Every structure is written in C-alpha cells, then in structure tokens.
Amino acid sequence: MTNFKGIIIEESLEKADVLKEVIVTNTKVEPVTDNHQTPWVKQWSMHTVEVLEDKAEEIVKKISLSLDSKHN
C-alpha cells in the first residue's frame, strides 16, 4: 500500500482535529510577513504529513470540511 505525502498548513484550518488522523513527519513554523497578506495569523505551521492510501479519501473530505471559511 502507498502512503500519500503532502503539507497541511494548520492555520488554514478552522478545526485542526484532522491532524490527529495523519502521520506528521515534520513541522516547520514560519513567522508571517507582510508579503503573506494574512494579518489574521502570526505564523504558518506547515506540517509535512503522510496519509495511508486506504484513508486518503476520508482524510481529504475531512480537510475540505475543516478549511477556514472566513478567509479565502
């Protein structure tokens, strides 16, 4: 079975519960600058994650339902 890999930006989620359901292999935190044009957050927490193939569809749905609805 194949694991899918990607990055989830924690601050882009209204509910970060989905992070408990993936394998976080690395986390990088960057301070927000004016170039980011996101003054409502102070930092970006970028989690490199792995998702098991048989869980991928379920996780994708949970992420899409967890995305920040106040900011595009």
C-alpha atoms as a PDB file:
ATOM      1  CA  MET A   1       0.000   0.000   0.000  1.00  0.00           C
ATOM      2  CA  THR A   2       1.188   3.511  -0.831  1.00  0.00           C
ATOM      3  CA  ASN A   3       1.295   6.443   1.540  1.00  0.00           C
ATOM      4  CA  PHE A   4       0.398   9.845   0.124  1.00  0.00           C
ATOM      5  CA  LYS A   5       2.574  12.772   1.216  1.00  0.00           C
ATOM      6  CA  GLY A   6       1.755  16.460   1.403  1.00  0.00           C
ATOM      7  CA  ILE A   7       1.725  19.586   3.512  1.00  0.00           C
ATOM      8  CA  ILE A   8      -1.109  20.879   5.672  1.00  0.00           C
ATOM      9  CA  ILE A   9      -0.923  24.455   6.907  1.00  0.00           C
ATOM     10  CA  GLU A  10      -2.505  24.347  10.346  1.00  0.00           C
ATOM     11  CA  GLU A  11      -3.628  27.981  10.269  1.00  0.00           C
ATOM     12  CA  SER A  12      -5.693  27.282   7.140  1.00  0.00           C
ATOM     13  CA  LEU A  13      -7.944  25.000   9.187  1.00  0.00           C
ATOM     14  CA  GLU A  14     -10.839  26.061  11.402  1.00  0.00           C
ATOM     15  CA  LYS A  15     -10.592  22.710  13.173  1.00  0.00           C
ATOM     16  CA  ALA A  16      -7.167  21.078  13.381  1.00  0.00           C
ATOM     17  CA  ASP A  17      -8.570  17.725  14.575  1.00  0.00           C
ATOM     18  CA  VAL A  18      -7.709  16.168  11.215  1.00  0.00           C
ATOM     19  CA  LEU A  19      -4.013  16.474  12.111  1.00  0.00           C
ATOM     20  CA  LYS A  20      -4.579  13.739  14.699  1.00  0.00           C
ATOM     21  CA  GLU A  21      -5.586  11.381  11.891  1.00  0.00           C
ATOM     22  CA  VAL A  22      -2.499  11.743   9.717  1.00  0.00           C
ATOM     23  CA  ILE A  23       1.162  10.911  10.248  1.00  0.00           C
ATOM     24  CA  VAL A  24       3.057  14.176  10.826  1.00  0.00           C
ATOM     25  CA  THR A  25       6.658  13.624   9.740  1.00  0.00           C
ATOM     26  CA  ASN A  26       7.915  17.190  10.063  1.00  0.00           C
ATOM     27  CA  THR A  27       6.719  20.617  11.158  1.00  0.00           C
ATOM     28  CA  LYS A  28       8.160  23.928  10.031  1.00  0.00           C
ATOM     29  CA  VAL A  29       6.970  27.180  11.607  1.00  0.00           C
ATOM     30  CA  GLU A  30       7.496  30.470   9.801  1.00  0.00           C
ATOM     31  CA  PRO A  31       6.569  33.924  11.042  1.00  0.00           C
ATOM     32  CA  VAL A  32       4.053  35.756   8.882  1.00  0.00           C
ATOM     33  CA  THR A  33       5.352  38.758   6.970  1.00  0.00           C
ATOM     34  CA  ASP A  34       3.507  41.491   5.074  1.00  0.00           C
ATOM     35  CA  ASN A  35       4.210  39.530   1.859  1.00  0.00           C
ATOM     36  CA  HIS A  36       1.928  36.723   3.073  1.00  0.00           C
ATOM     37  CA  GLN A  37      -1.050  39.131   3.159  1.00  0.00           C
ATOM     38  CA  THR A  38      -2.541  37.210   6.098  1.00  0.00           C
ATOM     39  CA  PRO A  39      -2.553  39.661   9.037  1.00  0.00           C
ATOM     40  CA  TRP A  40      -5.038  37.486  10.977  1.00  0.00           C
ATOM     41  CA  VAL A  41      -2.287  34.938  11.774  1.00  0.00           C
ATOM     42  CA  LYS A  42       1.113  35.406  13.381  1.00  0.00           C
ATOM     43  CA  GLN A  43       2.764  32.282  11.962  1.00  0.00           C
ATOM     44  CA  TRP A  44       2.404  29.461   9.450  1.00  0.00           C
ATOM     45  CA  SER A  45       2.722  25.960  10.907  1.00  0.00           C
ATOM     46  CA  MET A  46       3.425  23.737   7.920  1.00  0.00           C
ATOM     47  CA  HIS A  47       3.064  20.055   8.719  1.00  0.00           C
ATOM     48  CA  THR A  48       4.532  17.528   6.303  1.00  0.00           C
ATOM     49  CA  VAL A  49       2.142  14.599   6.505  1.00  0.00           C
ATOM     50  CA  GLU A  50       1.609  11.079   5.257  1.00  0.00           C
ATOM     51  CA  VAL A  51      -1.793   9.509   4.718  1.00  0.00           C
ATOM     52  CA  LEU A  52      -2.374   5.808   4.201  1.00  0.00           C
ATOM     53  CA  GLU A  53      -3.853   5.043   0.803  1.00  0.00           C
ATOM     54  CA  ASP A  54      -6.963   3.418   2.256  1.00  0.00           C
ATOM     55  CA  LYS A  55      -7.625   6.512   4.424  1.00  0.00           C
ATOM     56  CA  ALA A  56      -6.872   9.153   1.763  1.00  0.00           C
ATOM     57  CA  GLU A  57     -10.421   9.787   0.548  1.00  0.00           C
ATOM     58  CA  GLU A  58     -11.747  10.086   4.101  1.00  0.00           C
ATOM     59  CA  ILE A  59      -8.943  12.478   5.108  1.00  0.00           C
ATOM     60  CA  VAL A  60      -9.433  14.651   2.018  1.00  0.00           C
ATOM     61  CA  LYS A  61     -13.122  15.058   2.892  1.00  0.00           C
ATOM     62  CA  LYS A  62     -12.276  15.963   6.485  1.00  0.00           C
ATOM     63  CA  ILE A  63      -9.689  18.518   5.373  1.00  0.00           C
ATOM     64  CA  SER A  64     -12.118  20.126   2.914  1.00  0.00           C
ATOM     65  CA  LEU A  65     -14.725  20.441   5.684  1.00  0.00           C
ATOM     66  CA  SER A  66     -12.131  21.875   8.083  1.00  0.00           C
ATOM     67  CA  LEU A  67     -10.794  24.682   5.863  1.00  0.00           C
ATOM     68  CA  ASP A  68     -11.016  28.252   7.119  1.00  0.00           C
ATOM     69  CA  SER A  69     -14.315  29.613   5.802  1.00  0.00           C
ATOM     70  CA  LYS A  70     -13.628  33.211   6.820  1.00  0.00           C
ATOM     71  CA  HIS A  71     -10.585  33.713   4.570  1.00  0.00           C
ATOM     72  CA  ASN A  72     -10.118  32.512   1.010  1.00  0.00           C
END
